[in-house]
C-alpha atoms as a PDB file:
ATOM      1  CA  MET A   1     126.051  80.643  91.070  1.00  0.00           C
ATOM      2  CA  SER A   2     122.528  81.419  89.960  1.00  0.00           C
ATOM      3  CA  ILE A   3     119.056  82.316  91.122  1.00  0.00           C
ATOM      4  CA  SER A   4     116.113  82.173  88.721  1.00  0.00           C
ATOM      5  CA  LEU A   5     112.745  83.851  88.716  1.00  0.00           C
ATOM      6  CA  THR A   6     109.558  82.625  87.104  1.00  0.00           C
ATOM      7  CA  GLU A   7     107.686  85.185  85.041  1.00  0.00           C
ATOM      8  CA  ALA A   8     105.011  85.332  87.753  1.00  0.00           C
ATOM      9  CA  ALA A   9     107.643  86.135  90.419  1.00  0.00           C
ATOM     10  CA  ALA A  10     109.211  88.830  88.218  1.00  0.00           C
ATOM     11  CA  GLN A  11     105.839  90.430  87.565  1.00  0.00           C
ATOM     12  CA  ARG A  12     105.051  90.498  91.287  1.00  0.00           C
ATOM     13  CA  ILE A  13     108.425  92.080  92.110  1.00  0.00           C
ATOM     14  CA  GLN A  14     107.878  94.732  89.462  1.00  0.00           C
ATOM     15  CA  ARG A  15     104.342  95.406  90.676  1.00  0.00           C
ATOM     16  CA  GLN A  16     105.536  95.789  94.334  1.00  0.00           C
ATOM     17  CA  LEU A  17     108.276  98.214  93.286  1.00  0.00           C
ATOM     18  CA  THR A  18     105.796 100.240  91.227  1.00  0.00           C
ATOM     19  CA  GLU A  19     103.371 100.435  94.148  1.00  0.00           C
ATOM     20  CA  ARG A  20     106.236 101.403  96.488  1.00  0.00           C
ATOM     21  CA  GLY A  21     107.470 104.043  94.039  1.00  0.00           C
ATOM     22  CA  SER A  22     111.165 103.188  94.336  1.00  0.00           C
ATOM     23  CA  GLY A  23     113.671 100.355  94.516  1.00  0.00           C
ATOM     24  CA  LEU A  24     115.957  98.326  92.253  1.00  0.00           C
ATOM     25  CA  GLY A  25     114.543  94.930  92.951  1.00  0.00           C
ATOM     26  CA  LEU A  26     113.987  92.243  95.559  1.00  0.00           C
ATOM     27  CA  ARG A  27     116.624  91.713  98.243  1.00  0.00           C
ATOM     28  CA  LEU A  28     116.668  88.035  99.142  1.00  0.00           C
ATOM     29  CA  GLY A  29     118.589  86.645 102.067  1.00  0.00           C
ATOM     30  CA  VAL A  30     118.677  83.985 104.686  1.00  0.00           C
ATOM     31  CA  THR A  31     118.308  84.330 108.417  1.00  0.00           C
ATOM     32  CA  THR A  32     119.075  81.745 111.113  1.00  0.00           C
ATOM     33  CA  THR A  33     115.713  80.907 112.613  1.00  0.00           C
ATOM     34  CA  GLY A  34     112.818  78.538 112.469  1.00  0.00           C
ATOM     35  CA  CYS A  35     112.571  74.878 113.394  1.00  0.00           C
ATOM     36  CA  SER A  36     114.774  73.761 110.506  1.00  0.00           C
ATOM     37  CA  GLY A  37     117.545  76.295 110.924  1.00  0.00           C
ATOM     38  CA  HIS A  38     117.112  78.901 108.152  1.00  0.00           C
ATOM     39  CA  ALA A  39     114.338  81.049 106.771  1.00  0.00           C
ATOM     40  CA  TYR A  40     114.147  83.253 103.685  1.00  0.00           C
ATOM     41  CA  LYS A  41     114.272  86.978 104.271  1.00  0.00           C
ATOM     42  CA  LEU A  42     112.698  89.353 101.752  1.00  0.00           C
ATOM     43  CA  ASP A  43     113.065  93.103 101.514  1.00  0.00           C
ATOM     44  CA  TYR A  44     113.296  95.797  98.920  1.00  0.00           C
ATOM     45  CA  ALA A  45     116.726  96.427  97.343  1.00  0.00           C
ATOM     46  CA  ASP A  46     117.398 100.160  97.169  1.00  0.00           C
ATOM     47  CA  ALA A  47     121.076  99.812  96.419  1.00  0.00           C
ATOM     48  CA  VAL A  48     123.631  97.175  95.446  1.00  0.00           C
ATOM     49  CA  GLU A  49     126.683  96.922  97.685  1.00  0.00           C
ATOM     50  CA  ASP A  50     130.087  95.501  96.826  1.00  0.00           C
ATOM     51  CA  SER A  51     129.181  92.458  98.870  1.00  0.00           C
ATOM     52  CA  ASP A  52     126.086  91.739  96.738  1.00  0.00           C
ATOM     53  CA  VAL A  53     125.403  89.734  93.622  1.00  0.00           C
ATOM     54  CA  THR A  54     122.564  90.674  91.268  1.00  0.00           C
ATOM     55  CA  PHE A  55     120.447  88.286  89.201  1.00  0.00           C
ATOM     56  CA  GLU A  56     117.929  89.407  86.573  1.00  0.00           C
ATOM     57  CA  ALA A  57     115.097  87.599  84.797  1.00  0.00           C
ATOM     58  CA  HIS A  58     112.015  88.769  82.987  1.00  0.00           C
ATOM     59  CA  GLY A  59     112.953  92.405  83.706  1.00  0.00           C
ATOM     60  CA  ALA A  60     113.140  92.016  87.487  1.00  0.00           C
ATOM     61  CA  LYS A  61     116.229  91.980  89.716  1.00  0.00           C
ATOM     62  CA  VAL A  62     117.116  89.931  92.759  1.00  0.00           C
ATOM     63  CA  VAL A  63     119.965  91.125  95.002  1.00  0.00           C
ATOM     64  CA  VAL A  64     121.700  88.629  97.216  1.00  0.00           C
ATOM     65  CA  SER A  65     124.559  89.004  99.696  1.00  0.00           C
ATOM     66  CA  LYS A  66     127.617  86.975  98.755  1.00  0.00           C
ATOM     67  CA  ARG A  67     127.454  85.598 102.330  1.00  0.00           C
ATOM     68  CA  ASP A  68     124.014  84.046 101.713  1.00  0.00           C
ATOM     69  CA  LEU A  69     124.684  82.854  98.169  1.00  0.00           C
ATOM     70  CA  PRO A  70     125.966  79.324  99.028  1.00  0.00           C
ATOM     71  CA  LEU A  71     122.579  78.616 100.707  1.00  0.00           C
ATOM     72  CA  LEU A  72     120.664  80.033  97.736  1.00  0.00           C
ATOM     73  CA  ASP A  73     122.659  78.876  94.713  1.00  0.00           C
ATOM     74  CA  GLY A  74     120.289  77.287  92.189  1.00  0.00           C
ATOM     75  CA  LEU A  75     117.190  78.674  93.921  1.00  0.00           C
ATOM     76  CA  ARG A  76     114.059  79.101  91.772  1.00  0.00           C
ATOM     77  CA  VAL A  77     111.662  81.803  92.990  1.00  0.00           C
ATOM     78  CA  ASP A  78     108.006  81.543  92.015  1.00  0.00           C
ATOM     79  CA  PHE A  79     104.911  83.582  92.938  1.00  0.00           C
ATOM     80  CA  ARG A  80     101.589  81.810  93.312  1.00  0.00           C
ATOM     81  CA  ARG A  81      98.028  82.544  94.241  1.00  0.00           C
ATOM     82  CA  GLU A  82      96.685  79.803  96.492  1.00  0.00           C
ATOM     83  CA  GLY A  83      93.076  80.422  97.402  1.00  0.00           C
ATOM     84  CA  LEU A  84      92.989  83.816  99.056  1.00  0.00           C
ATOM     85  CA  ASN A  85      96.753  83.856  99.669  1.00  0.00           C
ATOM     86  CA  GLU A  86      99.483  85.212  97.422  1.00  0.00           C
ATOM     87  CA  VAL A  87     102.969  83.945  98.232  1.00  0.00           C
ATOM     88  CA  PHE A  88     106.498  83.676  96.964  1.00  0.00           C
ATOM     89  CA  ARG A  89     107.552  80.002  96.812  1.00  0.00           C
ATOM     90  CA  PHE A  90     111.153  78.848  96.868  1.00  0.00           C
ATOM     91  CA  ASP A  91     112.511  75.704  95.178  1.00  0.00           C
ATOM     92  CA  ASN A  92     115.947  75.385  96.794  1.00  0.00           C
ATOM     93  CA  PRO A  93     118.131  72.491  95.696  1.00  0.00           C
ATOM     94  CA  ASN A  94     120.385  73.087  98.704  1.00  0.00           C
ATOM     95  CA  ALA A  95     117.573  72.476 101.261  1.00  0.00           C
ATOM     96  CA  THR A  96     117.890  68.974 102.653  1.00  0.00           C
ATOM     97  CA  ALA A  97     114.859  69.241 104.967  1.00  0.00           C
ATOM     98  CA  LEU A  98     111.891  71.592 105.366  1.00  0.00           C
ATOM     99  CA  CYS A  99     109.904  72.247 108.509  1.00  0.00           C
ATOM    100  CA  GLY A 100     106.267  71.158 108.610  1.00  0.00           C
ATOM    101  CA  CYS A 101     104.923  74.687 107.975  1.00  0.00           C
ATOM    102  CA  GLY A 102     107.320  75.215 105.057  1.00  0.00           C
ATOM    103  CA  GLU A 103     108.730  78.447 106.495  1.00  0.00           C
ATOM    104  CA  SER A 104     112.248  77.246 107.218  1.00  0.00           C
ATOM    105  CA  PHE A 105     114.806  74.842 105.764  1.00  0.00           C
ATOM    106  CA  HIS A 106     117.910  72.882 106.710  1.00  0.00           C
ATOM    107  CA  TYR A 107     121.125  73.100 104.734  1.00  0.00           C
ATOM    108  CA  GLU A 108     123.269  69.914 104.855  1.00  0.00           C
ATOM    109  CA  GLY A 109     126.434  71.859 104.089  1.00  0.00           C
ATOM    110  CA  GLU A 110     126.356  73.402 107.596  1.00  0.00           C
ATOM    111  CA  ALA A 111     127.817  70.346 109.171  1.00  0.00           C
ATOM    112  CA  GLU A 112     130.725  70.409 106.728  1.00  0.00           C
ATOM    113  CA  ALA A 113     131.209  74.157 107.237  1.00  0.00           C
ATOM    114  CA  GLU A 114     131.279  73.817 111.018  1.00  0.00           C
ATOM    115  CA  SER A 115     133.891  71.009 110.921  1.00  0.00           C
END
């Protein structure tokens, strides 16, 4: 299981933690919502629990719950400036469909898990 960060994403995470003044890294999760079924959930990671897995790249950490890891395995996190907007972008090999606005995704493995 793995999650990777681009250098731009790692720099953004480090900058946000510095501005905040505390935190271990980015907490990345999945919530059931949106028109495609799942959306990414971002927060600060202030602690690592027994139920978490930590990934590190370019000096930044990402903390993920083991529960969400099957949906995020192989995820590549990037940070981009697009015009006036600055956003994290997710390249998720597990997403089989994206909604039109790009805010949520569908995971084909759900049908198998529900059976």
